[in-house]
Amino acid sequence: MKYVKLDGAVYEMRLFEQDDWREAFAANVRAVGKQEKTLFSHIVIDHNSAPGRAFAQACEDNEDVLFYIKLPGWFKIETPVGTYNPDWAVAYRNDAMLYFVAETKKTGGGDHVQLGLLRPIEDLRIECGKRHFQNFEQVRFKVVSVFEELLN
């Protein structure tokens, strides 16, 4: 499988202007401590996602993280097995790369997708996302369980 970038297949930044966290349940909303590092004052994280909450906190705490965002539900990549929504995007100081992080709820690390930890269809969507981002020179796609794995 290979993704081909098409003209007009881009997301407009104005879509990020929506504060869709207001529609989520209060238990799923986490206040942002360092507003200058992201676009919104709150982040929507699954209420049972301890790794997601820890990842957000690590992004705030790490001085080398210039920007991070929990990608909204509308940010989707079409795949042969359904749409895929990466979890995070992170930009570092003095690094030309933008990191898209897949599933922070998984265990293991690096670019390796460990089958069996998620439903098989989710594993396939993550693999499709990985292949999709290979087409962008300044984007790295990683599957991590903790923030520190991004630094490897």
Protein backbone atom coordinates (compact mmCIF):
# COMPACT_ATOMS: atom_id res chain seq x y z
CA MET A 1 0.00 0.00 0.00
CA LYS A 2 1.20 3.51 -0.76
CA TYR A 3 -0.42 6.86 -0.06
CA VAL A 4 -0.24 9.56 -2.69
CA LYS A 5 -0.57 13.19 -1.68
CA LEU A 6 -3.33 14.83 -3.73
CA ASP A 7 -3.74 18.51 -4.52
CA GLY A 8 -6.41 20.04 -2.35
CA ALA A 9 -6.17 17.23 0.25
CA VAL A 10 -5.05 19.52 3.07
CA TYR A 11 -6.48 20.63 6.39
CA GLU A 12 -7.03 24.31 6.90
CA MET A 13 -5.73 25.83 10.11
CA ARG A 14 -9.05 27.54 10.68
CA LEU A 15 -10.50 24.18 11.63
CA PHE A 16 -8.34 24.32 14.77
CA GLU A 17 -10.19 27.44 15.87
CA GLN A 18 -13.07 25.34 17.18
CA ASP A 19 -12.98 24.56 20.89
CA ASP A 20 -14.67 21.16 20.61
CA TRP A 21 -13.66 20.30 24.20
CA ARG A 22 -16.81 22.05 25.41
CA GLU A 23 -18.92 19.23 24.01
CA ALA A 24 -17.06 16.53 25.92
CA PHE A 25 -17.86 15.21 29.36
CA ALA A 26 -16.15 17.07 32.19
CA ALA A 27 -14.25 13.92 33.22
CA ASN A 28 -12.59 13.84 29.79
CA VAL A 29 -11.38 17.43 29.91
CA ARG A 30 -7.92 18.36 31.21
CA ALA A 31 -6.97 22.00 31.77
CA VAL A 32 -3.77 23.15 30.07
CA GLY A 33 -1.20 24.61 32.41
CA LYS A 34 1.07 26.26 29.83
CA GLN A 35 -1.31 27.84 27.35
CA GLU A 36 1.56 29.09 25.16
CA LYS A 37 2.37 25.50 24.15
CA THR A 38 -0.97 24.64 22.57
CA LEU A 39 -4.05 26.14 20.94
CA PHE A 40 -6.72 25.48 23.53
CA SER A 41 -7.20 26.07 27.22
CA HIS A 42 -8.38 22.45 27.68
CA ILE A 43 -7.62 19.06 26.11
CA VAL A 44 -10.13 16.25 25.61
CA ILE A 45 -8.63 12.91 26.69
CA ASP A 46 -10.47 9.63 27.19
CA HIS A 47 -11.40 9.41 30.85
CA ASN A 48 -9.72 6.02 31.15
CA SER A 49 -6.52 7.05 29.34
CA ALA A 50 -3.89 7.47 32.04
CA PRO A 51 -1.13 7.34 29.37
CA GLY A 52 -2.83 10.17 27.46
CA ARG A 53 -3.00 12.35 30.56
CA ALA A 54 0.62 11.58 31.42
CA PHE A 55 1.67 12.37 27.84
CA ALA A 56 -0.05 15.78 27.97
CA GLN A 57 1.63 16.58 31.29
CA ALA A 58 5.04 15.51 29.95
CA CYS A 59 4.59 17.83 26.95
CA GLU A 60 3.89 20.73 29.31
CA ASP A 61 6.80 19.87 31.60
CA ASN A 62 9.44 19.36 28.90
CA GLU A 63 11.20 22.65 28.08
CA ASP A 64 12.14 21.43 24.60
CA VAL A 65 8.50 20.96 23.56
CA LEU A 66 7.54 24.18 21.81
CA PHE A 67 4.07 23.07 20.76
CA TYR A 68 1.77 20.11 21.24
CA ILE A 69 -1.83 19.39 20.43
CA LYS A 70 -4.25 16.58 21.07
CA LEU A 71 -5.60 16.26 17.56
CA PRO A 72 -9.36 16.81 17.31
CA GLY A 73 -11.71 14.06 16.15
CA TRP A 74 -12.19 15.65 12.74
CA PHE A 75 -8.47 15.25 11.90
CA LYS A 76 -8.77 11.96 10.05
CA ILE A 77 -6.74 10.03 7.53
CA GLU A 78 -8.66 7.86 5.10
CA THR A 79 -7.39 4.27 4.99
CA PRO A 80 -8.62 1.11 3.26
CA VAL A 81 -9.88 -0.11 6.67
CA GLY A 82 -11.67 3.07 7.76
CA THR A 83 -10.61 6.45 9.03
CA TYR A 84 -7.68 6.88 11.38
CA ASN A 85 -7.25 9.73 13.86
CA PRO A 86 -3.70 10.16 15.24
CA ASP A 87 -3.65 11.23 18.89
CA TRP A 88 -1.01 13.98 19.10
CA ALA A 89 1.26 16.30 17.17
CA VAL A 90 4.42 17.61 18.87
CA ALA A 91 7.09 20.11 17.75
CA TYR A 92 10.49 20.36 19.47
CA ARG A 93 12.92 23.26 19.88
CA ASN A 94 15.74 23.18 17.27
CA ASP A 95 14.13 20.33 15.36
CA ALA A 96 12.67 20.69 11.87
CA MET A 97 10.50 17.61 12.38
CA LEU A 98 6.86 17.50 13.42
CA TYR A 99 5.94 14.36 15.29
CA PHE A 100 2.57 12.69 14.96
CA VAL A 101 2.09 10.25 17.79
CA ALA A 102 -0.30 7.38 17.30
CA GLU A 103 -1.61 5.54 20.32
CA THR A 104 -0.32 6.58 23.71
CA LYS A 105 -2.42 3.85 25.31
CA LYS A 106 -0.31 1.10 23.76
CA THR A 107 2.66 -0.55 25.39
CA GLY A 108 5.97 -0.98 23.67
CA GLY A 109 7.66 1.82 21.87
CA GLY A 110 9.29 3.33 18.87
CA ASP A 111 7.67 2.76 15.51
CA HIS A 112 6.72 -0.81 16.34
CA VAL A 113 3.01 -1.62 16.43
CA GLN A 114 2.46 -4.54 18.76
CA LEU A 115 -0.45 -6.55 17.45
CA GLY A 116 -2.92 -7.86 19.96
CA LEU A 117 -2.76 -4.91 22.35
CA LEU A 118 -5.56 -3.17 20.48
CA ARG A 119 -8.34 -4.54 18.36
CA PRO A 120 -6.92 -5.87 15.07
CA ILE A 121 -8.73 -3.17 13.04
CA GLU A 122 -7.09 -0.47 15.18
CA ASP A 123 -3.67 -2.01 14.58
CA LEU A 124 -4.35 -1.93 10.83
CA ARG A 125 -5.39 1.71 10.94
CA ILE A 126 -2.23 2.62 12.85
CA GLU A 127 -0.13 0.79 10.27
CA CYS A 128 -1.92 2.73 7.51
CA GLY A 129 -1.23 5.99 9.38
CA LYS A 130 2.45 5.06 9.62
CA ARG A 131 2.62 4.47 5.87
CA HIS A 132 0.71 7.68 5.17
CA PHE A 133 3.21 9.82 7.09
CA GLN A 134 6.20 8.21 5.36
CA ASN A 135 5.33 10.49 2.41
CA PHE A 136 6.17 13.64 4.39
CA GLU A 137 9.86 14.40 4.83
CA GLN A 138 9.45 16.59 7.91
CA VAL A 139 6.96 14.41 9.77
CA ARG A 140 7.80 11.43 11.94
CA PHE A 141 5.14 9.00 13.01
CA LYS A 142 5.78 7.11 16.23
CA VAL A 143 3.80 4.72 18.37
CA VAL A 144 4.76 5.24 22.00
CA SER A 145 3.48 4.36 25.44
CA VAL A 146 5.27 7.22 27.25
CA PHE A 147 6.58 10.62 26.17
CA GLU A 148 10.23 9.71 26.75
CA GLU A 149 10.06 7.20 23.88
CA LEU A 150 9.72 10.10 21.44
CA LEU A 151 13.24 11.19 22.33
CA ASN A 152 14.80 7.96 21.08
